[in-house]
Amino acid sequence: MSGGVCFRMYTEKKGLQLGLVGWVRNTYHGTVEGQMQGPEDQVENMKLWLSKEGSPSSRITKASFGEQRTVDQLELSGFTTRF
């Protein structure tokens, strides 16, 4: 996905709104990557938001989600922006 202005901020806000934990950051390739954990239905809602909506000024050309797994206990806390 191609991140627009404030994409990370909106992603962090949406993750917290959905009760997820995780992180988001820009890559050197001009894309955005991250990790999220939480209830499966909310993770699916976040994936849909990341694929179709994003921040108001973003242009999403592709969204890929890999390395999905079920965890018994959350391994992260909060939803943050990494640099």
PDB file of N, CA and C in Angstrom:
ATOM      1  N   MET A   1       0.849  -1.161   0.000  1.00  0.00           N
ATOM      2  CA  MET A   1       0.000   0.000   0.000  1.00  0.00           C
ATOM      3  C   MET A   1       0.891   1.217   0.000  1.00  0.00           C
ATOM      4  N   SER A   2       0.440   2.248  -0.590  1.00  0.00           N
ATOM      5  CA  SER A   2       1.205   3.487  -0.630  1.00  0.00           C
ATOM      6  C   SER A   2       0.638   4.426   0.423  1.00  0.00           C
ATOM      7  N   GLY A   3       1.472   4.876   1.317  1.00  0.00           N
ATOM      8  CA  GLY A   3       1.015   5.714   2.415  1.00  0.00           C
ATOM      9  C   GLY A   3       0.924   7.167   2.008  1.00  0.00           C
ATOM     10  N   GLY A   4      -0.174   7.809   2.358  1.00  0.00           N
ATOM     11  CA  GLY A   4      -0.324   9.231   2.112  1.00  0.00           C
ATOM     12  C   GLY A   4       0.045  10.003   3.358  1.00  0.00           C
ATOM     13  N   VAL A   5      -0.186  11.272   3.336  1.00  0.00           N
ATOM     14  CA  VAL A   5       0.105  12.130   4.479  1.00  0.00           C
ATOM     15  C   VAL A   5      -0.711  11.669   5.678  1.00  0.00           C
ATOM     16  N   CYS A   6      -0.048  11.507   6.807  1.00  0.00           N
ATOM     17  CA  CYS A   6      -0.687  11.137   8.083  1.00  0.00           C
ATOM     18  C   CYS A   6      -1.245   9.709   8.109  1.00  0.00           C
ATOM     19  N   PHE A   7      -0.839   8.872   7.174  1.00  0.00           N
ATOM     20  CA  PHE A   7      -1.373   7.514   7.133  1.00  0.00           C
ATOM     21  C   PHE A   7      -1.101   6.770   8.432  1.00  0.00           C
ATOM     22  N   ARG A   8       0.120   6.898   8.961  1.00  0.00           N
ATOM     23  CA  ARG A   8       0.464   6.200  10.202  1.00  0.00           C
ATOM     24  C   ARG A   8      -0.399   6.682  11.356  1.00  0.00           C
ATOM     25  N   MET A   9      -0.626   7.997  11.439  1.00  0.00           N
ATOM     26  CA  MET A   9      -1.433   8.552  12.520  1.00  0.00           C
ATOM     27  C   MET A   9      -2.868   8.006  12.458  1.00  0.00           C
ATOM     28  N   TYR A  10      -3.446   7.988  11.265  1.00  0.00           N
ATOM     29  CA  TYR A  10      -4.802   7.474  11.118  1.00  0.00           C
ATOM     30  C   TYR A  10      -4.862   5.974  11.392  1.00  0.00           C
ATOM     31  N   THR A  11      -3.814   5.242  11.011  1.00  0.00           N
ATOM     32  CA  THR A  11      -3.770   3.807  11.266  1.00  0.00           C
ATOM     33  C   THR A  11      -3.704   3.533  12.765  1.00  0.00           C
ATOM     34  N   GLU A  12      -2.871   4.278  13.446  1.00  0.00           N
ATOM     35  CA  GLU A  12      -2.766   4.144  14.901  1.00  0.00           C
ATOM     36  C   GLU A  12      -4.117   4.434  15.557  1.00  0.00           C
ATOM     37  N   LYS A  13      -4.753   5.503  15.139  1.00  0.00           N
ATOM     38  CA  LYS A  13      -6.060   5.895  15.700  1.00  0.00           C
ATOM     39  C   LYS A  13      -7.110   4.808  15.453  1.00  0.00           C
ATOM     40  N   LYS A  14      -7.145   4.275  14.237  1.00  0.00           N
ATOM     41  CA  LYS A  14      -8.125   3.240  13.890  1.00  0.00           C
ATOM     42  C   LYS A  14      -7.863   1.962  14.677  1.00  0.00           C
ATOM     43  N   GLY A  15      -6.581   1.587  14.822  1.00  0.00           N
ATOM     44  CA  GLY A  15      -6.241   0.397  15.601  1.00  0.00           C
ATOM     45  C   GLY A  15      -6.720   0.511  17.033  1.00  0.00           C
ATOM     46  N   LEU A  16      -6.492   1.660  17.646  1.00  0.00           N
ATOM     47  CA  LEU A  16      -6.948   1.884  19.023  1.00  0.00           C
ATOM     48  C   LEU A  16      -8.468   1.868  19.102  1.00  0.00           C
ATOM     49  N   GLN A  17      -9.116   2.476  18.112  1.00  0.00           N
ATOM     50  CA  GLN A  17     -10.586   2.517  18.069  1.00  0.00           C
ATOM     51  C   GLN A  17     -11.175   1.102  18.018  1.00  0.00           C
ATOM     52  N   LEU A  18     -10.484   0.204  17.327  1.00  0.00           N
ATOM     53  CA  LEU A  18     -10.963  -1.176  17.194  1.00  0.00           C
ATOM     54  C   LEU A  18     -10.507  -2.074  18.345  1.00  0.00           C
ATOM     55  N   GLY A  19      -9.742  -1.523  19.276  1.00  0.00           N
ATOM     56  CA  GLY A  19      -9.278  -2.304  20.416  1.00  0.00           C
ATOM     57  C   GLY A  19      -8.123  -3.229  20.086  1.00  0.00           C
ATOM     58  N   LEU A  20      -7.360  -2.881  19.053  1.00  0.00           N
ATOM     59  CA  LEU A  20      -6.222  -3.695  18.646  1.00  0.00           C
ATOM     60  C   LEU A  20      -4.944  -3.183  19.287  1.00  0.00           C
ATOM     61  N   VAL A  21      -3.931  -4.028  19.303  1.00  0.00           N
ATOM     62  CA  VAL A  21      -2.590  -3.617  19.696  1.00  0.00           C
ATOM     63  C   VAL A  21      -1.696  -3.840  18.484  1.00  0.00           C
ATOM     64  N   GLY A  22      -0.622  -3.062  18.401  1.00  0.00           N
ATOM     65  CA  GLY A  22       0.275  -3.243  17.275  1.00  0.00           C
ATOM     66  C   GLY A  22       1.129  -2.033  17.022  1.00  0.00           C
ATOM     67  N   TRP A  23       1.678  -1.963  15.810  1.00  0.00           N
ATOM     68  CA  TRP A  23       2.525  -0.848  15.421  1.00  0.00           C
ATOM     69  C   TRP A  23       2.445  -0.650  13.913  1.00  0.00           C
ATOM     70  N   VAL A  24       2.868   0.523  13.474  1.00  0.00           N
ATOM     71  CA  VAL A  24       2.882   0.873  12.057  1.00  0.00           C
ATOM     72  C   VAL A  24       4.111   1.751  11.802  1.00  0.00           C
ATOM     73  N   ARG A  25       4.703   1.625  10.611  1.00  0.00           N
ATOM     74  CA  ARG A  25       5.844   2.478  10.254  1.00  0.00           C
ATOM     75  C   ARG A  25       5.952   2.588   8.735  1.00  0.00           C
ATOM     76  N   ASN A  26       6.624   3.640   8.297  1.00  0.00           N
ATOM     77  CA  ASN A  26       6.946   3.807   6.889  1.00  0.00           C
ATOM     78  C   ASN A  26       8.158   2.949   6.560  1.00  0.00           C
ATOM     79  N   THR A  27       8.243   2.523   5.316  1.00  0.00           N
ATOM     80  CA  THR A  27       9.421   1.792   4.861  1.00  0.00           C
ATOM     81  C   THR A  27      10.243   2.693   3.947  1.00  0.00           C
ATOM     82  N   TYR A  28      11.436   2.257   3.626  1.00  0.00           N
ATOM     83  CA  TYR A  28      12.294   3.001   2.705  1.00  0.00           C
ATOM     84  C   TYR A  28      11.783   2.940   1.271  1.00  0.00           C
ATOM     85  N   HIS A  29      10.805   2.080   1.024  1.00  0.00           N
ATOM     86  CA  HIS A  29      10.243   1.913  -0.322  1.00  0.00           C
ATOM     87  C   HIS A  29       9.015   2.788  -0.554  1.00  0.00           C
ATOM     88  N   GLY A  30       8.696   3.648   0.413  1.00  0.00           N
ATOM     89  CA  GLY A  30       7.526   4.513   0.274  1.00  0.00           C
ATOM     90  C   GLY A  30       6.217   3.826   0.599  1.00  0.00           C
ATOM     91  N   THR A  31       6.293   2.699   1.290  1.00  0.00           N
ATOM     92  CA  THR A  31       5.089   1.971   1.692  1.00  0.00           C
ATOM     93  C   THR A  31       4.969   2.006   3.211  1.00  0.00           C
ATOM     94  N   VAL A  32       3.935   1.384   3.709  1.00  0.00           N
ATOM     95  CA  VAL A  32       3.693   1.314   5.145  1.00  0.00           C
ATOM     96  C   VAL A  32       3.621  -0.161   5.530  1.00  0.00           C
ATOM     97  N   GLU A  33       4.207  -0.496   6.684  1.00  0.00           N
ATOM     98  CA  GLU A  33       4.117  -1.863   7.188  1.00  0.00           C
ATOM     99  C   GLU A  33       3.789  -1.822   8.672  1.00  0.00           C
ATOM    100  N   GLY A  34       3.317  -2.942   9.190  1.00  0.00           N
ATOM    101  CA  GLY A  34       2.993  -2.974  10.605  1.00  0.00           C
ATOM    102  C   GLY A  34       2.596  -4.353  11.064  1.00  0.00           C
ATOM    103  N   GLN A  35       2.188  -4.395  12.303  1.00  0.00           N
ATOM    104  CA  GLN A  35       1.730  -5.633  12.923  1.00  0.00           C
ATOM    105  C   GLN A  35       0.551  -5.288  13.810  1.00  0.00           C
ATOM    106  N   MET A  36      -0.432  -6.179  13.859  1.00  0.00           N
ATOM    107  CA  MET A  36      -1.582  -5.945  14.727  1.00  0.00           C
ATOM    108  C   MET A  36      -2.029  -7.261  15.338  1.00  0.00           C
ATOM    109  N   GLN A  37      -2.604  -7.145  16.534  1.00  0.00           N
ATOM    110  CA  GLN A  37      -3.142  -8.299  17.241  1.00  0.00           C
ATOM    111  C   GLN A  37      -4.437  -7.876  17.926  1.00  0.00           C
ATOM    112  N   GLY A  38      -5.330  -8.824  18.074  1.00  0.00           N
ATOM    113  CA  GLY A  38      -6.587  -8.561  18.754  1.00  0.00           C
ATOM    114  C   GLY A  38      -7.639  -9.555  18.316  1.00  0.00           C
ATOM    115  N   PRO A  39      -8.891  -9.299  18.683  1.00  0.00           N
ATOM    116  CA  PRO A  39      -9.974 -10.202  18.289  1.00  0.00           C
ATOM    117  C   PRO A  39     -10.032 -10.333  16.761  1.00  0.00           C
ATOM    118  N   GLU A  40     -10.240 -11.551  16.307  1.00  0.00           N
ATOM    119  CA  GLU A  40     -10.200 -11.837  14.869  1.00  0.00           C
ATOM    120  C   GLU A  40     -11.126 -10.935  14.056  1.00  0.00           C
ATOM    121  N   ASP A  41     -12.342 -10.688  14.549  1.00  0.00           N
ATOM    122  CA  ASP A  41     -13.269  -9.846  13.786  1.00  0.00           C
ATOM    123  C   ASP A  41     -12.759  -8.414  13.663  1.00  0.00           C
ATOM    124  N   GLN A  42     -12.097  -7.920  14.702  1.00  0.00           N
ATOM    125  CA  GLN A  42     -11.569  -6.561  14.648  1.00  0.00           C
ATOM    126  C   GLN A  42     -10.321  -6.484  13.766  1.00  0.00           C
ATOM    127  N   VAL A  43      -9.524  -7.532  13.763  1.00  0.00           N
ATOM    128  CA  VAL A  43      -8.378  -7.591  12.849  1.00  0.00           C
ATOM    129  C   VAL A  43      -8.883  -7.558  11.408  1.00  0.00           C
ATOM    130  N   GLU A  44      -9.954  -8.307  11.140  1.00  0.00           N
ATOM    131  CA  GLU A  44     -10.538  -8.307   9.788  1.00  0.00           C
ATOM    132  C   GLU A  44     -11.077  -6.924   9.424  1.00  0.00           C
ATOM    133  N   ASN A  45     -11.716  -6.242  10.388  1.00  0.00           N
ATOM    134  CA  ASN A  45     -12.193  -4.876  10.137  1.00  0.00           C
ATOM    135  C   ASN A  45     -11.033  -3.951   9.801  1.00  0.00           C
ATOM    136  N   MET A  46      -9.922  -4.091  10.523  1.00  0.00           N
ATOM    137  CA  MET A  46      -8.744  -3.259  10.279  1.00  0.00           C
ATOM    138  C   MET A  46      -8.154  -3.554   8.908  1.00  0.00           C
ATOM    139  N   LYS A  47      -8.089  -4.816   8.527  1.00  0.00           N
ATOM    140  CA  LYS A  47      -7.568  -5.172   7.212  1.00  0.00           C
ATOM    141  C   LYS A  47      -8.426  -4.567   6.101  1.00  0.00           C
ATOM    142  N   LEU A  48      -9.724  -4.590   6.277  1.00  0.00           N
ATOM    143  CA  LEU A  48     -10.621  -3.980   5.298  1.00  0.00           C
ATOM    144  C   LEU A  48     -10.381  -2.477   5.222  1.00  0.00           C
ATOM    145  N   TRP A  49     -10.266  -1.827   6.370  1.00  0.00           N
ATOM    146  CA  TRP A  49     -10.002  -0.377   6.410  1.00  0.00           C
ATOM    147  C   TRP A  49      -8.676  -0.061   5.730  1.00  0.00           C
ATOM    148  N   LEU A  50      -7.632  -0.843   6.026  1.00  0.00           N
ATOM    149  CA  LEU A  50      -6.320  -0.632   5.412  1.00  0.00           C
ATOM    150  C   LEU A  50      -6.355  -0.848   3.905  1.00  0.00           C
ATOM    151  N   SER A  51      -7.186  -1.770   3.441  1.00  0.00           N
ATOM    152  CA  SER A  51      -7.263  -2.103   2.016  1.00  0.00           C
ATOM    153  C   SER A  51      -8.088  -1.120   1.204  1.00  0.00           C
ATOM    154  N   LYS A  52      -9.116  -0.560   1.822  1.00  0.00           N
ATOM    155  CA  LYS A  52     -10.094   0.224   1.061  1.00  0.00           C
ATOM    156  C   LYS A  52     -10.165   1.700   1.422  1.00  0.00           C
ATOM    157  N   GLU A  53      -9.865   2.046   2.663  1.00  0.00           N
ATOM    158  CA  GLU A  53     -10.107   3.414   3.121  1.00  0.00           C
ATOM    159  C   GLU A  53      -8.816   4.139   3.476  1.00  0.00           C
ATOM    160  N   GLY A  54      -8.181   3.765   4.558  1.00  0.00           N
ATOM    161  CA  GLY A  54      -6.958   4.440   4.979  1.00  0.00           C
ATOM    162  C   GLY A  54      -7.205   5.875   5.398  1.00  0.00           C
ATOM    163  N   SER A  55      -6.154   6.677   5.384  1.00  0.00           N
ATOM    164  CA  SER A  55      -6.298   8.083   5.763  1.00  0.00           C
ATOM    165  C   SER A  55      -6.960   8.858   4.619  1.00  0.00           C
ATOM    166  N   PRO A  56      -7.534  10.014   4.923  1.00  0.00           N
ATOM    167  CA  PRO A  56      -8.242  10.776   3.892  1.00  0.00           C
ATOM    168  C   PRO A  56      -7.387  11.120   2.661  1.00  0.00           C
ATOM    169  N   SER A  57      -6.096  11.317   2.839  1.00  0.00           N
ATOM    170  CA  SER A  57      -5.256  11.709   1.704  1.00  0.00           C
ATOM    171  C   SER A  57      -4.404  10.572   1.151  1.00  0.00           C
ATOM    172  N   SER A  58      -4.647   9.342   1.596  1.00  0.00           N
ATOM    173  CA  SER A  58      -3.839   8.223   1.106  1.00  0.00           C
ATOM    174  C   SER A  58      -4.362   7.714  -0.229  1.00  0.00           C
ATOM    175  N   ARG A  59      -3.460   7.096  -0.956  1.00  0.00           N
ATOM    176  CA  ARG A  59      -3.796   6.436  -2.218  1.00  0.00           C
ATOM    177  C   ARG A  59      -3.351   4.989  -2.069  1.00  0.00           C
ATOM    178  N   ILE A  60      -4.284   4.108  -1.815  1.00  0.00           N
ATOM    179  CA  ILE A  60      -3.967   2.709  -1.578  1.00  0.00           C
ATOM    180  C   ILE A  60      -3.985   1.973  -2.908  1.00  0.00           C
ATOM    181  N   THR A  61      -2.838   1.466  -3.301  1.00  0.00           N
ATOM    182  CA  THR A  61      -2.736   0.733  -4.556  1.00  0.00           C
ATOM    183  C   THR A  61      -2.675  -0.771  -4.338  1.00  0.00           C
ATOM    184  N   LYS A  62      -2.265  -1.182  -3.142  1.00  0.00           N
ATOM    185  CA  LYS A  62      -2.149  -2.604  -2.840  1.00  0.00           C
ATOM    186  C   LYS A  62      -2.049  -2.773  -1.329  1.00  0.00           C
ATOM    187  N   ALA A  63      -2.676  -3.793  -0.821  1.00  0.00           N
ATOM    188  CA  ALA A  63      -2.549  -4.145   0.602  1.00  0.00           C
ATOM    189  C   ALA A  63      -2.272  -5.634   0.690  1.00  0.00           C
ATOM    190  N   SER A  64      -1.196  -5.985   1.361  1.00  0.00           N
ATOM    191  CA  SER A  64      -0.819  -7.390   1.533  1.00  0.00           C
ATOM    192  C   SER A  64      -0.744  -7.695   3.017  1.00  0.00           C
ATOM    193  N   PHE A  65      -1.249  -8.844   3.391  1.00  0.00           N
ATOM    194  CA  PHE A  65      -1.230  -9.272   4.783  1.00  0.00           C
ATOM    195  C   PHE A  65      -0.624 -10.657   4.840  1.00  0.00           C
ATOM    196  N   GLY A  66       0.482 -10.787   5.518  1.00  0.00           N
ATOM    197  CA  GLY A  66       1.169 -12.073   5.572  1.00  0.00           C
ATOM    198  C   GLY A  66       1.462 -12.480   6.997  1.00  0.00           C
ATOM    199  N   GLU A  67       2.007 -13.677   7.116  1.00  0.00           N
ATOM    200  CA  GLU A  67       2.415 -14.210   8.410  1.00  0.00           C
ATOM    201  C   GLU A  67       1.313 -14.124   9.459  1.00  0.00           C
ATOM    202  N   GLN A  68       0.113 -14.491   9.080  1.00  0.00           N
ATOM    203  CA  GLN A  68      -1.001 -14.466  10.018  1.00  0.00           C
ATOM    204  C   GLN A  68      -0.967 -15.710  10.878  1.00  0.00           C
ATOM    205  N   ARG A  69      -1.206 -15.511  12.174  1.00  0.00           N
ATOM    206  CA  ARG A  69      -1.235 -16.636  13.107  1.00  0.00           C
ATOM    207  C   ARG A  69      -2.125 -16.278  14.284  1.00  0.00           C
ATOM    208  N   THR A  70      -2.590 -17.288  14.977  1.00  0.00           N
ATOM    209  CA  THR A  70      -3.395 -17.113  16.173  1.00  0.00           C
ATOM    210  C   THR A  70      -2.466 -17.104  17.381  1.00  0.00           C
ATOM    211  N   VAL A  71      -2.693 -16.156  18.279  1.00  0.00           N
ATOM    212  CA  VAL A  71      -1.901 -16.100  19.514  1.00  0.00           C
ATOM    213  C   VAL A  71      -2.837 -16.280  20.703  1.00  0.00           C
ATOM    214  N   ASP A  72      -2.361 -16.983  21.718  1.00  0.00           N
ATOM    215  CA  ASP A  72      -3.169 -17.206  22.914  1.00  0.00           C
ATOM    216  C   ASP A  72      -3.204 -15.977  23.814  1.00  0.00           C
ATOM    217  N   GLN A  73      -2.128 -15.216  23.777  1.00  0.00           N
ATOM    218  CA  GLN A  73      -2.011 -14.020  24.612  1.00  0.00           C
ATOM    219  C   GLN A  73      -1.368 -12.921  23.770  1.00  0.00           C
ATOM    220  N   LEU A  74      -1.865 -11.695  23.915  1.00  0.00           N
ATOM    221  CA  LEU A  74      -1.313 -10.584  23.146  1.00  0.00           C
ATOM    222  C   LEU A  74       0.166 -10.399  23.471  1.00  0.00           C
ATOM    223  N   GLU A  75       0.960 -10.190  22.447  1.00  0.00           N
ATOM    224  CA  GLU A  75       2.401 -10.045  22.608  1.00  0.00           C
ATOM    225  C   GLU A  75       2.834  -8.585  22.586  1.00  0.00           C
ATOM    226  N   LEU A  76       1.914  -7.703  22.289  1.00  0.00           N
ATOM    227  CA  LEU A  76       2.178  -6.268  22.207  1.00  0.00           C
ATOM    228  C   LEU A  76       1.242  -5.526  23.136  1.00  0.00           C
ATOM    229  N   SER A  77       1.491  -4.244  23.330  1.00  0.00           N
ATOM    230  CA  SER A  77       0.551  -3.419  24.085  1.00  0.00           C
ATOM    231  C   SER A  77       0.451  -2.068  23.393  1.00  0.00           C
ATOM    232  N   GLY A  78      -0.728  -1.502  23.414  1.00  0.00           N
ATOM    233  CA  GLY A  78      -0.950  -0.215  22.761  1.00  0.00           C
ATOM    234  C   GLY A  78      -0.862  -0.348  21.240  1.00  0.00           C
ATOM    235  N   PHE A  79      -1.040   0.754  20.563  1.00  0.00           N
ATOM    236  CA  PHE A  79      -0.882   0.806  19.115  1.00  0.00           C
ATOM    237  C   PHE A  79      -0.040   2.027  18.824  1.00  0.00           C
ATOM    238  N   THR A  80       1.162   1.822  18.309  1.00  0.00           N
ATOM    239  CA  THR A  80       2.126   2.908  18.204  1.00  0.00           C
ATOM    240  C   THR A  80       2.661   3.080  16.786  1.00  0.00           C
ATOM    241  N   THR A  81       3.291   4.216  16.582  1.00  0.00           N
ATOM    242  CA  THR A  81       4.017   4.493  15.350  1.00  0.00           C
ATOM    243  C   THR A  81       5.492   4.265  15.626  1.00  0.00           C
ATOM    244  N   ARG A  82       6.117   3.489  14.783  1.00  0.00           N
ATOM    245  CA  ARG A  82       7.555   3.243  14.896  1.00  0.00           C
ATOM    246  C   ARG A  82       8.281   4.044  13.835  1.00  0.00           C
ATOM    247  N   PHE A  83       9.517   4.368  14.128  1.00  0.00           N
ATOM    248  CA  PHE A  83      10.318   5.145  13.172  1.00  0.00           C
ATOM    249  C   PHE A  83      11.557   4.379  12.792  1.00  0.00           C
TER     250      PHE A  83
END
